[in-house]
PDB file of N, CA and C in Angstrom:
ATOM      1  N   UNK A   1     189.935 125.779  50.167  1.00  0.00           N
ATOM      2  CA  UNK A   1     189.444 126.246  48.445  1.00  0.00           C
ATOM      3  C   UNK A   1     190.090 125.380  47.829  1.00  0.00           C
ATOM      4  N   UNK A   2     189.320 125.416  46.362  1.00  0.00           N
ATOM      5  CA  UNK A   2     189.562 125.041  45.259  1.00  0.00           C
ATOM      6  C   UNK A   2     190.115 125.629  43.878  1.00  0.00           C
ATOM      7  N   UNK A   3     191.206 125.484  43.705  1.00  0.00           N
ATOM      8  CA  UNK A   3     191.448 125.967  42.223  1.00  0.00           C
ATOM      9  C   UNK A   3     191.498 125.150  40.397  1.00  0.00           C
ATOM     10  N   UNK A   4     190.813 125.832  40.055  1.00  0.00           N
ATOM     11  CA  UNK A   4     190.233 124.716  38.912  1.00  0.00           C
ATOM     12  C   UNK A   4     190.886 125.552  37.619  1.00  0.00           C
ATOM     13  N   UNK A   5     191.315 124.659  36.792  1.00  0.00           N
ATOM     14  CA  UNK A   5     192.269 125.317  35.709  1.00  0.00           C
ATOM     15  C   UNK A   5     191.557 124.370  34.191  1.00  0.00           C
ATOM     16  N   UNK A   6     191.023 125.124  33.193  1.00  0.00           N
ATOM     17  CA  UNK A   6     190.526 124.668  32.265  1.00  0.00           C
ATOM     18  C   UNK A   6     191.837 124.758  30.895  1.00  0.00           C
ATOM     19  N   UNK A   7     191.949 123.347  30.804  1.00  0.00           N
ATOM     20  CA  UNK A   7     192.934 123.331  29.081  1.00  0.00           C
ATOM     21  C   UNK A   7     191.674 122.753  28.184  1.00  0.00           C
ATOM     22  N   UNK A   8     192.408 122.826  26.791  1.00  0.00           N
ATOM     23  CA  UNK A   8     191.643 122.032  25.852  1.00  0.00           C
ATOM     24  C   UNK A   8     191.109 122.581  24.703  1.00  0.00           C
ATOM     25  N   UNK A   9     190.683 123.400  25.045  1.00  0.00           N
ATOM     26  CA  UNK A   9     189.735 124.680  23.951  1.00  0.00           C
ATOM     27  C   UNK A   9     190.535 124.773  22.686  1.00  0.00           C
ATOM     28  N   UNK A  10     189.935 124.917  21.653  1.00  0.00           N
ATOM     29  CA  UNK A  10     190.615 125.736  20.750  1.00  0.00           C
ATOM     30  C   UNK A  10     189.328 126.047  19.125  1.00  0.00           C
ATOM     31  N   UNK A  11     189.922 125.875  17.974  1.00  0.00           N
ATOM     32  CA  UNK A  11     188.931 125.950  17.508  1.00  0.00           C
ATOM     33  C   UNK A  11     188.681 124.510  16.359  1.00  0.00           C
ATOM     34  N   UNK A  12     187.474 124.150  15.859  1.00  0.00           N
ATOM     35  CA  UNK A  12     187.726 122.728  15.188  1.00  0.00           C
ATOM     36  C   UNK A  12     186.290 123.143  14.007  1.00  0.00           C
ATOM     37  N   UNK A  13     186.182 122.500  13.096  1.00  0.00           N
ATOM     38  CA  UNK A  13     185.363 122.126  12.200  1.00  0.00           C
ATOM     39  C   UNK A  13     183.935 121.478  12.640  1.00  0.00           C
ATOM     40  N   UNK A  14     182.902 121.768  11.788  1.00  0.00           N
ATOM     41  CA  UNK A  14     181.683 121.197  12.578  1.00  0.00           C
ATOM     42  C   UNK A  14     182.136 119.543  12.282  1.00  0.00           C
ATOM     43  N   UNK A  15     181.843 118.647  13.195  1.00  0.00           N
ATOM     44  CA  UNK A  15     181.643 116.903  13.280  1.00  0.00           C
ATOM     45  C   UNK A  15     182.986 116.803  13.297  1.00  0.00           C
ATOM     46  N   UNK A  16     183.738 117.802  14.196  1.00  0.00           N
ATOM     47  CA  UNK A  16     185.021 117.259  14.489  1.00  0.00           C
ATOM     48  C   UNK A  16     184.812 117.665  16.163  1.00  0.00           C
ATOM     49  N   UNK A  17     186.015 116.733  17.007  1.00  0.00           N
ATOM     50  CA  UNK A  17     186.186 116.733  18.379  1.00  0.00           C
ATOM     51  C   UNK A  17     187.282 117.255  19.037  1.00  0.00           C
ATOM     52  N   UNK A  18     186.738 117.672  20.445  1.00  0.00           N
ATOM     53  CA  UNK A  18     187.567 117.981  21.196  1.00  0.00           C
ATOM     54  C   UNK A  18     187.745 117.421  22.497  1.00  0.00           C
ATOM     55  N   UNK A  19     188.778 117.620  23.334  1.00  0.00           N
ATOM     56  CA  UNK A  19     188.601 117.055  25.017  1.00  0.00           C
ATOM     57  C   UNK A  19     188.842 118.094  25.169  1.00  0.00           C
ATOM     58  N   UNK A  20     188.060 118.930  26.590  1.00  0.00           N
ATOM     59  CA  UNK A  20     188.864 119.635  27.463  1.00  0.00           C
ATOM     60  C   UNK A  20     189.058 118.939  28.745  1.00  0.00           C
ATOM     61  N   UNK A  21     190.172 119.376  29.688  1.00  0.00           N
ATOM     62  CA  UNK A  21     190.727 119.035  30.819  1.00  0.00           C
ATOM     63  C   UNK A  21     189.973 120.243  31.571  1.00  0.00           C
ATOM     64  N   UNK A  22     189.933 119.717  33.320  1.00  0.00           N
ATOM     65  CA  UNK A  22     190.185 120.294  34.534  1.00  0.00           C
ATOM     66  C   UNK A  22     190.763 119.789  34.797  1.00  0.00           C
ATOM     67  N   UNK A  23     191.701 120.547  35.777  1.00  0.00           N
ATOM     68  CA  UNK A  23     192.866 120.619  36.483  1.00  0.00           C
ATOM     69  C   UNK A  23     192.243 121.103  37.818  1.00  0.00           C
ATOM     70  N   UNK A  24     191.961 120.368  39.060  1.00  0.00           N
ATOM     71  CA  UNK A  24     191.818 120.793  40.024  1.00  0.00           C
ATOM     72  C   UNK A  24     192.493 120.691  41.356  1.00  0.00           C
ATOM     73  N   UNK A  25     192.919 121.914  41.741  1.00  0.00           N
ATOM     74  CA  UNK A  25     194.034 121.449  43.163  1.00  0.00           C
ATOM     75  C   UNK A  25     193.503 122.373  44.222  1.00  0.00           C
ATOM     76  N   UNK A  26     193.910 121.813  45.712  1.00  0.00           N
ATOM     77  CA  UNK A  26     193.256 122.262  46.491  1.00  0.00           C
ATOM     78  C   UNK A  26     192.557 121.826  47.421  1.00  0.00           C
ATOM     79  N   UNK A  27     191.570 121.628  48.166  1.00  0.00           N
ATOM     80  CA  UNK A  27     190.706 120.702  49.207  1.00  0.00           C
ATOM     81  C   UNK A  27     189.885 120.393  47.722  1.00  0.00           C
ATOM     82  N   UNK A  28     189.823 119.398  47.135  1.00  0.00           N
ATOM     83  CA  UNK A  28     189.698 118.805  46.237  1.00  0.00           C
ATOM     84  C   UNK A  28     188.239 117.715  46.941  1.00  0.00           C
ATOM     85  N   UNK A  29     188.693 117.467  47.915  1.00  0.00           N
ATOM     86  CA  UNK A  29     187.902 116.375  48.764  1.00  0.00           C
ATOM     87  C   UNK A  29     186.419 116.885  49.306  1.00  0.00           C
ATOM     88  N   UNK A  30     186.300 118.712  49.159  1.00  0.00           N
ATOM     89  CA  UNK A  30     185.306 118.793  49.618  1.00  0.00           C
ATOM     90  C   UNK A  30     184.109 119.143  48.705  1.00  0.00           C
ATOM     91  N   UNK A  31     184.256 118.654  47.473  1.00  0.00           N
ATOM     92  CA  UNK A  31     183.488 118.907  46.111  1.00  0.00           C
ATOM     93  C   UNK A  31     182.827 117.544  46.358  1.00  0.00           C
ATOM     94  N   UNK A  32     181.560 117.337  45.937  1.00  0.00           N
ATOM     95  CA  UNK A  32     180.892 116.098  45.545  1.00  0.00           C
ATOM     96  C   UNK A  32     180.350 116.295  44.288  1.00  0.00           C
ATOM     97  N   UNK A  33     180.638 117.219  43.739  1.00  0.00           N
ATOM     98  CA  UNK A  33     180.511 117.169  41.789  1.00  0.00           C
ATOM     99  C   UNK A  33     181.249 118.088  41.607  1.00  0.00           C
ATOM    100  N   UNK A  34     181.263 117.488  40.213  1.00  0.00           N
ATOM    101  CA  UNK A  34     182.451 118.653  39.546  1.00  0.00           C
ATOM    102  C   UNK A  34     181.390 118.913  38.107  1.00  0.00           C
ATOM    103  N   UNK A  35     181.047 120.265  37.271  1.00  0.00           N
ATOM    104  CA  UNK A  35     180.363 120.374  36.321  1.00  0.00           C
ATOM    105  C   UNK A  35     180.946 121.045  34.823  1.00  0.00           C
ATOM    106  N   UNK A  36     180.360 120.814  33.736  1.00  0.00           N
ATOM    107  CA  UNK A  36     180.853 122.254  32.938  1.00  0.00           C
ATOM    108  C   UNK A  36     179.511 123.097  32.423  1.00  0.00           C
ATOM    109  N   UNK A  37     179.668 123.811  32.717  1.00  0.00           N
ATOM    110  CA  UNK A  37     179.023 125.180  31.524  1.00  0.00           C
ATOM    111  C   UNK A  37     179.481 125.535  30.776  1.00  0.00           C
ATOM    112  N   UNK A  38     178.690 126.542  29.726  1.00  0.00           N
ATOM    113  CA  UNK A  38     179.307 127.213  28.839  1.00  0.00           C
ATOM    114  C   UNK A  38     178.263 128.564  28.805  1.00  0.00           C
ATOM    115  N   UNK A  39     179.057 129.137  27.711  1.00  0.00           N
ATOM    116  CA  UNK A  39     178.786 130.623  27.940  1.00  0.00           C
ATOM    117  C   UNK A  39     178.673 131.195  26.406  1.00  0.00           C
ATOM    118  N   UNK A  40     177.630 131.258  25.410  1.00  0.00           N
ATOM    119  CA  UNK A  40     177.754 132.128  24.595  1.00  0.00           C
ATOM    120  C   UNK A  40     177.793 133.372  24.328  1.00  0.00           C
ATOM    121  N   UNK A  41     178.465 134.013  23.183  1.00  0.00           N
ATOM    122  CA  UNK A  41     178.331 135.687  23.311  1.00  0.00           C
ATOM    123  C   UNK A  41     177.172 136.078  23.250  1.00  0.00           C
ATOM    124  N   UNK A  42     176.670 136.787  23.786  1.00  0.00           N
ATOM    125  CA  UNK A  42     174.907 137.235  24.458  1.00  0.00           C
ATOM    126  C   UNK A  42     174.005 136.722  24.936  1.00  0.00           C
ATOM    127  N   UNK A  43     174.470 135.251  25.513  1.00  0.00           N
ATOM    128  CA  UNK A  43     173.958 134.226  26.170  1.00  0.00           C
ATOM    129  C   UNK A  43     173.965 134.001  27.325  1.00  0.00           C
ATOM    130  N   UNK A  44     172.895 133.660  28.002  1.00  0.00           N
ATOM    131  CA  UNK A  44     173.451 132.976  29.517  1.00  0.00           C
ATOM    132  C   UNK A  44     174.195 131.942  29.629  1.00  0.00           C
ATOM    133  N   UNK A  45     175.201 131.807  30.692  1.00  0.00           N
ATOM    134  CA  UNK A  45     175.514 130.408  31.277  1.00  0.00           C
ATOM    135  C   UNK A  45     174.457 129.340  31.504  1.00  0.00           C
ATOM    136  N   UNK A  46     174.948 128.278  30.428  1.00  0.00           N
ATOM    137  CA  UNK A  46     174.477 127.269  30.815  1.00  0.00           C
ATOM    138  C   UNK A  46     174.835 125.768  30.801  1.00  0.00           C
ATOM    139  N   UNK A  47     173.884 125.006  31.688  1.00  0.00           N
ATOM    140  CA  UNK A  47     174.862 123.880  32.198  1.00  0.00           C
ATOM    141  C   UNK A  47     174.853 122.681  30.570  1.00  0.00           C
ATOM    142  N   UNK A  48     176.253 121.817  30.498  1.00  0.00           N
ATOM    143  CA  UNK A  48     176.374 121.020  29.771  1.00  0.00           C
ATOM    144  C   UNK A  48     176.116 119.957  30.436  1.00  0.00           C
ATOM    145  N   UNK A  49     177.458 119.868  31.400  1.00  0.00           N
ATOM    146  CA  UNK A  49     177.570 118.469  31.937  1.00  0.00           C
ATOM    147  C   UNK A  49     177.779 118.522  33.553  1.00  0.00           C
ATOM    148  N   UNK A  50     177.761 117.139  34.183  1.00  0.00           N
ATOM    149  CA  UNK A  50     178.135 117.000  35.837  1.00  0.00           C
ATOM    150  C   UNK A  50     178.390 115.879  35.971  1.00  0.00           C
ATOM    151  N   UNK A  51     179.142 115.440  36.737  1.00  0.00           N
ATOM    152  CA  UNK A  51     179.559 114.177  37.585  1.00  0.00           C
ATOM    153  C   UNK A  51     180.027 113.745  38.852  1.00  0.00           C
ATOM    154  N   UNK A  52     179.358 113.532  39.501  1.00  0.00           N
ATOM    155  CA  UNK A  52     179.343 113.364  40.950  1.00  0.00           C
ATOM    156  C   UNK A  52     181.107 113.014  41.502  1.00  0.00           C
ATOM    157  N   UNK A  53     181.372 112.951  42.656  1.00  0.00           N
ATOM    158  CA  UNK A  53     182.923 112.765  42.806  1.00  0.00           C
ATOM    159  C   UNK A  53     183.033 111.229  43.010  1.00  0.00           C
ATOM    160  N   UNK A  54     182.268 110.441  42.950  1.00  0.00           N
ATOM    161  CA  UNK A  54     182.307 109.007  42.775  1.00  0.00           C
ATOM    162  C   UNK A  54     182.501 108.321  41.281  1.00  0.00           C
ATOM    163  N   UNK A  55     182.188 109.477  40.634  1.00  0.00           N
ATOM    164  CA  UNK A  55     182.458 109.334  39.027  1.00  0.00           C
ATOM    165  C   UNK A  55     181.322 108.295  38.478  1.00  0.00           C
ATOM    166  N   UNK A  56     180.451 107.898  39.202  1.00  0.00           N
ATOM    167  CA  UNK A  56     179.671 106.617  39.026  1.00  0.00           C
ATOM    168  C   UNK A  56     178.278 107.775  38.473  1.00  0.00           C
ATOM    169  N   UNK A  57     178.114 108.226  38.638  1.00  0.00           N
ATOM    170  CA  UNK A  57     176.430 109.473  38.324  1.00  0.00           C
ATOM    171  C   UNK A  57     176.825 110.660  37.484  1.00  0.00           C
ATOM    172  N   UNK A  58     176.543 110.330  36.350  1.00  0.00           N
ATOM    173  CA  UNK A  58     176.598 111.770  34.949  1.00  0.00           C
ATOM    174  C   UNK A  58     175.439 112.552  34.725  1.00  0.00           C
ATOM    175  N   UNK A  59     175.657 113.550  34.844  1.00  0.00           N
ATOM    176  CA  UNK A  59     174.284 114.035  34.079  1.00  0.00           C
ATOM    177  C   UNK A  59     174.485 115.475  32.443  1.00  0.00           C
ATOM    178  N   UNK A  60     173.455 115.078  31.863  1.00  0.00           N
ATOM    179  CA  UNK A  60     174.090 116.223  30.467  1.00  0.00           C
ATOM    180  C   UNK A  60     172.812 116.912  30.449  1.00  0.00           C
ATOM    181  N   UNK A  61     173.202 117.819  29.586  1.00  0.00           N
ATOM    182  CA  UNK A  61     171.949 118.812  29.075  1.00  0.00           C
ATOM    183  C   UNK A  61     171.223 118.223  27.817  1.00  0.00           C
ATOM    184  N   UNK A  62     169.928 118.441  27.678  1.00  0.00           N
ATOM    185  CA  UNK A  62     169.689 117.514  26.347  1.00  0.00           C
ATOM    186  C   UNK A  62     170.270 117.799  25.192  1.00  0.00           C
ATOM    187  N   UNK A  63     170.456 119.139  24.823  1.00  0.00           N
ATOM    188  CA  UNK A  63     172.093 119.337  23.657  1.00  0.00           C
ATOM    189  C   UNK A  63     173.226 118.582  23.478  1.00  0.00           C
ATOM    190  N   UNK A  64     173.599 118.098  24.695  1.00  0.00           N
ATOM    191  CA  UNK A  64     174.267 117.503  24.154  1.00  0.00           C
ATOM    192  C   UNK A  64     174.630 115.960  24.426  1.00  0.00           C
ATOM    193  N   UNK A  65     173.397 115.185  24.900  1.00  0.00           N
ATOM    194  CA  UNK A  65     173.252 114.001  24.993  1.00  0.00           C
ATOM    195  C   UNK A  65     173.525 113.346  24.186  1.00  0.00           C
ATOM    196  N   UNK A  66     174.584 112.340  23.994  1.00  0.00           N
ATOM    197  CA  UNK A  66     174.777 111.475  22.512  1.00  0.00           C
ATOM    198  C   UNK A  66     176.395 111.733  22.017  1.00  0.00           C
ATOM    199  N   UNK A  67     176.248 113.089  22.226  1.00  0.00           N
ATOM    200  CA  UNK A  67     177.894 113.231  21.380  1.00  0.00           C
ATOM    201  C   UNK A  67     179.074 113.514  22.525  1.00  0.00           C
ATOM    202  N   UNK A  68     178.348 113.999  23.888  1.00  0.00           N
ATOM    203  CA  UNK A  68     180.049 114.466  24.873  1.00  0.00           C
ATOM    204  C   UNK A  68     179.712 113.575  25.801  1.00  0.00           C
ATOM    205  N   UNK A  69     180.967 113.206  26.268  1.00  0.00           N
ATOM    206  CA  UNK A  69     180.963 112.588  27.971  1.00  0.00           C
ATOM    207  C   UNK A  69     181.546 113.136  28.589  1.00  0.00           C
ATOM    208  N   UNK A  70     181.764 113.220  30.434  1.00  0.00           N
ATOM    209  CA  UNK A  70     182.386 113.602  31.500  1.00  0.00           C
ATOM    210  C   UNK A  70     182.811 112.693  31.857  1.00  0.00           C
ATOM    211  N   UNK A  71     183.971 112.740  32.424  1.00  0.00           N
ATOM    212  CA  UNK A  71     184.688 111.471  32.933  1.00  0.00           C
ATOM    213  C   UNK A  71     185.721 112.403  33.946  1.00  0.00           C
ATOM    214  N   UNK A  72     186.089 111.441  35.149  1.00  0.00           N
ATOM    215  CA  UNK A  72     186.954 112.245  35.911  1.00  0.00           C
ATOM    216  C   UNK A  72     188.308 111.220  35.995  1.00  0.00           C
ATOM    217  N   UNK A  73     189.438 111.645  36.498  1.00  0.00           N
ATOM    218  CA  UNK A  73     190.201 110.806  37.099  1.00  0.00           C
ATOM    219  C   UNK A  73     190.708 111.191  38.247  1.00  0.00           C
ATOM    220  N   UNK A  74     190.304 110.469  39.170  1.00  0.00           N
ATOM    221  CA  UNK A  74     190.163 111.347  40.455  1.00  0.00           C
ATOM    222  C   UNK A  74     192.439 110.670  41.211  1.00  0.00           C
ATOM    223  N   UNK A  75     192.736 110.298  40.316  1.00  0.00           N
ATOM    224  CA  UNK A  75     194.462 110.293  40.759  1.00  0.00           C
ATOM    225  C   UNK A  75     195.011 111.476  40.480  1.00  0.00           C
ATOM    226  N   UNK A  76     194.481 112.120  39.225  1.00  0.00           N
ATOM    227  CA  UNK A  76     194.761 112.908  38.526  1.00  0.00           C
ATOM    228  C   UNK A  76     193.992 114.277  39.007  1.00  0.00           C
ATOM    229  N   UNK A  77     192.982 114.185  39.721  1.00  0.00           N
ATOM    230  CA  UNK A  77     192.045 115.519  40.406  1.00  0.00           C
ATOM    231  C   UNK A  77     191.957 115.967  39.180  1.00  0.00           C
ATOM    232  N   UNK A  78     191.458 115.485  37.872  1.00  0.00           N
ATOM    233  CA  UNK A  78     190.978 115.950  36.580  1.00  0.00           C
ATOM    234  C   UNK A  78     189.993 115.307  36.062  1.00  0.00           C
ATOM    235  N   UNK A  79     189.171 116.506  35.641  1.00  0.00           N
ATOM    236  CA  UNK A  79     187.894 115.860  35.056  1.00  0.00           C
ATOM    237  C   UNK A  79     188.236 116.726  33.360  1.00  0.00           C
ATOM    238  N   UNK A  80     187.319 115.437  32.882  1.00  0.00           N
ATOM    239  CA  UNK A  80     187.584 115.838  31.283  1.00  0.00           C
ATOM    240  C   UNK A  80     186.054 115.900  30.865  1.00  0.00           C
ATOM    241  N   UNK A  81     186.106 116.719  29.563  1.00  0.00           N
ATOM    242  CA  UNK A  81     184.427 116.914  28.677  1.00  0.00           C
ATOM    243  C   UNK A  81     185.140 116.205  27.449  1.00  0.00           C
ATOM    244  N   UNK A  82     185.062 115.113  26.428  1.00  0.00           N
ATOM    245  CA  UNK A  82     184.944 114.660  25.406  1.00  0.00           C
ATOM    246  C   UNK A  82     183.862 115.116  24.654  1.00  0.00           C
ATOM    247  N   UNK A  83     184.335 115.711  23.848  1.00  0.00           N
ATOM    248  CA  UNK A  83     183.027 116.469  22.503  1.00  0.00           C
ATOM    249  C   UNK A  83     182.938 116.124  21.323  1.00  0.00           C
ATOM    250  N   UNK A  84     182.231 115.186  20.925  1.00  0.00           N
ATOM    251  CA  UNK A  84     182.358 114.510  19.178  1.00  0.00           C
ATOM    252  C   UNK A  84     180.946 115.773  18.753  1.00  0.00           C
ATOM    253  N   UNK A  85     181.294 115.011  17.496  1.00  0.00           N
ATOM    254  CA  UNK A  85     180.332 115.892  16.977  1.00  0.00           C
ATOM    255  C   UNK A  85     179.546 117.184  16.607  1.00  0.00           C
ATOM    256  N   UNK A  86     180.638 117.846  16.988  1.00  0.00           N
ATOM    257  CA  UNK A  86     180.872 119.298  17.202  1.00  0.00           C
ATOM    258  C   UNK A  86     180.111 119.802  16.268  1.00  0.00           C
ATOM    259  N   UNK A  87     178.947 120.746  17.025  1.00  0.00           N
ATOM    260  CA  UNK A  87     177.872 121.915  15.889  1.00  0.00           C
ATOM    261  C   UNK A  87     177.997 123.361  16.105  1.00  0.00           C
ATOM    262  N   UNK A  88     177.992 124.003  14.972  1.00  0.00           N
ATOM    263  CA  UNK A  88     178.606 125.631  15.484  1.00  0.00           C
ATOM    264  C   UNK A  88     177.913 126.106  16.799  1.00  0.00           C
ATOM    265  N   UNK A  89     176.706 125.720  16.887  1.00  0.00           N
ATOM    266  CA  UNK A  89     175.712 125.830  18.195  1.00  0.00           C
ATOM    267  C   UNK A  89     176.622 125.433  19.597  1.00  0.00           C
ATOM    268  N   UNK A  90     177.994 125.094  19.424  1.00  0.00           N
ATOM    269  CA  UNK A  90     178.307 124.396  20.836  1.00  0.00           C
ATOM    270  C   UNK A  90     179.808 125.531  20.808  1.00  0.00           C
ATOM    271  N   UNK A  91     179.383 127.058  19.602  1.00  0.00           N
ATOM    272  CA  UNK A  91     180.502 127.203  20.187  1.00  0.00           C
ATOM    273  C   UNK A  91     180.259 128.411  21.457  1.00  0.00           C
ATOM    274  N   UNK A  92     181.353 128.489  22.278  1.00  0.00           N
ATOM    275  CA  UNK A  92     181.257 129.164  23.592  1.00  0.00           C
ATOM    276  C   UNK A  92     182.536 128.926  24.223  1.00  0.00           C
ATOM    277  N   UNK A  93     182.166 129.944  25.301  1.00  0.00           N
ATOM    278  CA  UNK A  93     183.504 130.208  26.347  1.00  0.00           C
ATOM    279  C   UNK A  93     182.749 128.835  27.490  1.00  0.00           C
ATOM    280  N   UNK A  94     183.917 127.674  27.494  1.00  0.00           N
ATOM    281  CA  UNK A  94     183.194 126.421  28.455  1.00  0.00           C
ATOM    282  C   UNK A  94     183.797 126.812  30.333  1.00  0.00           C
ATOM    283  N   UNK A  95     183.158 126.545  30.859  1.00  0.00           N
ATOM    284  CA  UNK A  95     183.535 126.390  32.047  1.00  0.00           C
ATOM    285  C   UNK A  95     183.850 125.841  33.066  1.00  0.00           C
ATOM    286  N   UNK A  96     184.874 124.978  33.745  1.00  0.00           N
ATOM    287  CA  UNK A  96     184.551 123.835  34.719  1.00  0.00           C
ATOM    288  C   UNK A  96     184.370 124.239  36.380  1.00  0.00           C
ATOM    289  N   UNK A  97     183.590 124.008  36.720  1.00  0.00           N
ATOM    290  CA  UNK A  97     183.200 124.356  38.353  1.00  0.00           C
ATOM    291  C   UNK A  97     182.734 123.245  39.099  1.00  0.00           C
ATOM    292  N   UNK A  98     183.216 123.212  40.766  1.00  0.00           N
ATOM    293  CA  UNK A  98     183.006 122.603  41.538  1.00  0.00           C
ATOM    294  C   UNK A  98     182.186 122.520  42.609  1.00  0.00           C
ATOM    295  N   UNK A  99     181.329 121.951  43.139  1.00  0.00           N
ATOM    296  CA  UNK A  99     179.984 122.190  44.240  1.00  0.00           C
ATOM    297  C   UNK A  99     180.726 121.252  44.927  1.00  0.00           C
ATOM    298  N   UNK A 100     180.318 122.331  46.690  1.00  0.00           N
ATOM    299  CA  UNK A 100     180.281 121.598  47.308  1.00  0.00           C
ATOM    300  C   UNK A 100     179.629 121.159  48.600  1.00  0.00           C
ATOM    301  N   UNK A 101     178.503 121.422  47.787  1.00  0.00           N
ATOM    302  CA  UNK A 101     176.697 120.869  48.140  1.00  0.00           C
ATOM    303  C   UNK A 101     176.381 119.833  47.488  1.00  0.00           C
ATOM    304  N   UNK A 102     175.627 119.112  48.307  1.00  0.00           N
ATOM    305  CA  UNK A 102     175.386 117.636  48.001  1.00  0.00           C
ATOM    306  C   UNK A 102     173.321 118.072  47.207  1.00  0.00           C
ATOM    307  N   UNK A 103     173.399 118.046  46.204  1.00  0.00           N
ATOM    308  CA  UNK A 103     171.523 117.960  45.446  1.00  0.00           C
ATOM    309  C   UNK A 103     172.059 117.235  45.262  1.00  0.00           C
ATOM    310  N   UNK A 104     170.128 117.318  44.747  1.00  0.00           N
ATOM    311  CA  UNK A 104     170.122 116.211  44.280  1.00  0.00           C
ATOM    312  C   UNK A 104     170.009 116.146  42.654  1.00  0.00           C
ATOM    313  N   UNK A 105     169.854 117.574  42.136  1.00  0.00           N
ATOM    314  CA  UNK A 105     170.699 117.491  40.502  1.00  0.00           C
ATOM    315  C   UNK A 105     171.185 118.732  40.712  1.00  0.00           C
ATOM    316  N   UNK A 106     172.701 118.396  39.873  1.00  0.00           N
ATOM    317  CA  UNK A 106     173.433 119.589  39.821  1.00  0.00           C
ATOM    318  C   UNK A 106     173.761 120.381  38.890  1.00  0.00           C
ATOM    319  N   UNK A 107     172.503 121.005  38.051  1.00  0.00           N
ATOM    320  CA  UNK A 107     172.643 121.903  36.452  1.00  0.00           C
ATOM    321  C   UNK A 107     172.455 122.787  37.185  1.00  0.00           C
ATOM    322  N   UNK A 108     172.522 123.628  38.185  1.00  0.00           N
ATOM    323  CA  UNK A 108     172.009 125.049  38.200  1.00  0.00           C
ATOM    324  C   UNK A 108     173.779 125.186  38.425  1.00  0.00           C
ATOM    325  N   UNK A 109     174.121 126.528  38.204  1.00  0.00           N
ATOM    326  CA  UNK A 109     175.191 127.473  38.310  1.00  0.00           C
ATOM    327  C   UNK A 109     175.061 127.594  39.724  1.00  0.00           C
ATOM    328  N   UNK A 110     174.260 127.969  40.404  1.00  0.00           N
ATOM    329  CA  UNK A 110     174.120 128.991  41.735  1.00  0.00           C
ATOM    330  C   UNK A 110     174.938 127.644  42.777  1.00  0.00           C
ATOM    331  N   UNK A 111     174.465 126.345  42.164  1.00  0.00           N
ATOM    332  CA  UNK A 111     175.007 125.408  42.735  1.00  0.00           C
ATOM    333  C   UNK A 111     176.667 125.045  43.359  1.00  0.00           C
ATOM    334  N   UNK A 112     177.166 125.851  42.320  1.00  0.00           N
ATOM    335  CA  UNK A 112     178.513 125.599  42.463  1.00  0.00           C
ATOM    336  C   UNK A 112     179.186 126.841  43.186  1.00  0.00           C
ATOM    337  N   UNK A 113     180.314 126.132  43.906  1.00  0.00           N
ATOM    338  CA  UNK A 113     181.221 127.512  44.519  1.00  0.00           C
ATOM    339  C   UNK A 113     182.660 127.628  44.088  1.00  0.00           C
ATOM    340  N   UNK A 114     182.929 126.831  42.851  1.00  0.00           N
ATOM    341  CA  UNK A 114     184.392 126.970  42.376  1.00  0.00           C
ATOM    342  C   UNK A 114     184.114 126.930  41.158  1.00  0.00           C
ATOM    343  N   UNK A 115     185.034 127.811  40.192  1.00  0.00           N
ATOM    344  CA  UNK A 115     184.842 128.108  38.955  1.00  0.00           C
ATOM    345  C   UNK A 115     186.436 128.197  38.185  1.00  0.00           C
ATOM    346  N   UNK A 116     186.484 128.185  36.829  1.00  0.00           N
ATOM    347  CA  UNK A 116     187.618 127.997  36.573  1.00  0.00           C
ATOM    348  C   UNK A 116     187.481 129.159  35.804  1.00  0.00           C
ATOM    349  N   UNK A 117     188.539 129.763  34.748  1.00  0.00           N
ATOM    350  CA  UNK A 117     188.518 130.636  34.481  1.00  0.00           C
ATOM    351  C   UNK A 117     188.192 130.816  32.459  1.00  0.00           C
ATOM    352  N   UNK A 118     188.048 129.946  32.504  1.00  0.00           N
ATOM    353  CA  UNK A 118     186.884 129.495  31.040  1.00  0.00           C
ATOM    354  C   UNK A 118     188.151 128.894  29.874  1.00  0.00           C
ATOM    355  N   UNK A 119     187.987 128.235  28.961  1.00  0.00           N
ATOM    356  CA  UNK A 119     188.685 127.898  27.543  1.00  0.00           C
ATOM    357  C   UNK A 119     187.622 128.199  26.526  1.00  0.00           C
ATOM    358  N   UNK A 120     188.029 129.178  25.520  1.00  0.00           N
ATOM    359  CA  UNK A 120     186.971 128.985  24.629  1.00  0.00           C
ATOM    360  C   UNK A 120     187.202 127.804  23.366  1.00  0.00           C
ATOM    361  N   UNK A 121     185.731 127.356  23.044  1.00  0.00           N
ATOM    362  CA  UNK A 121     185.388 126.311  21.925  1.00  0.00           C
ATOM    363  C   UNK A 121     184.665 127.044  20.313  1.00  0.00           C
ATOM    364  N   UNK A 122     185.369 127.166  19.830  1.00  0.00           N
ATOM    365  CA  UNK A 122     185.086 127.875  18.184  1.00  0.00           C
ATOM    366  C   UNK A 122     184.632 126.728  17.543  1.00  0.00           C
ATOM    367  N   UNK A 123     183.198 126.290  16.957  1.00  0.00           N
ATOM    368  CA  UNK A 123     183.193 125.502  15.778  1.00  0.00           C
ATOM    369  C   UNK A 123     182.771 126.085  14.949  1.00  0.00           C
ATOM    370  N   UNK A 124     183.766 125.979  13.543  1.00  0.00           N
ATOM    371  CA  UNK A 124     183.200 126.660  12.363  1.00  0.00           C
ATOM    372  C   UNK A 124     182.563 125.307  11.788  1.00  0.00           C
ATOM    373  N   UNK A 125     181.504 126.597  10.463  1.00  0.00           N
ATOM    374  CA  UNK A 125     180.495 125.620   9.797  1.00  0.00           C
ATOM    375  C   UNK A 125     180.777 125.254   8.340  1.00  0.00           C
TER     376      UNK A 125
END
């Protein structure tokens, strides 16, 4: 099992920045990829970004490309999501997730086996 704990959410004005962290514990070596998803009120959960365990390959939703950066520190078993130029439409609960499977793409929630409890991000206009 892998336990994931997110932190770093909060309230920020449009144009501002936040950095989310996801601390992983347990059998982290069993995860091939780590991802971030978000869910806004009344909407379905959507993919935001993902990174392979090697840290070399990253994936982004079109809506966040150029503004968000996913990275990882394997020594700390932590994944980060740096969010810049935030917009009100980025407001959502953000979830960290870990995938045990090796897939050609990693942008579907069903591909992930472990989930954190979520951290709230609110962007005011």
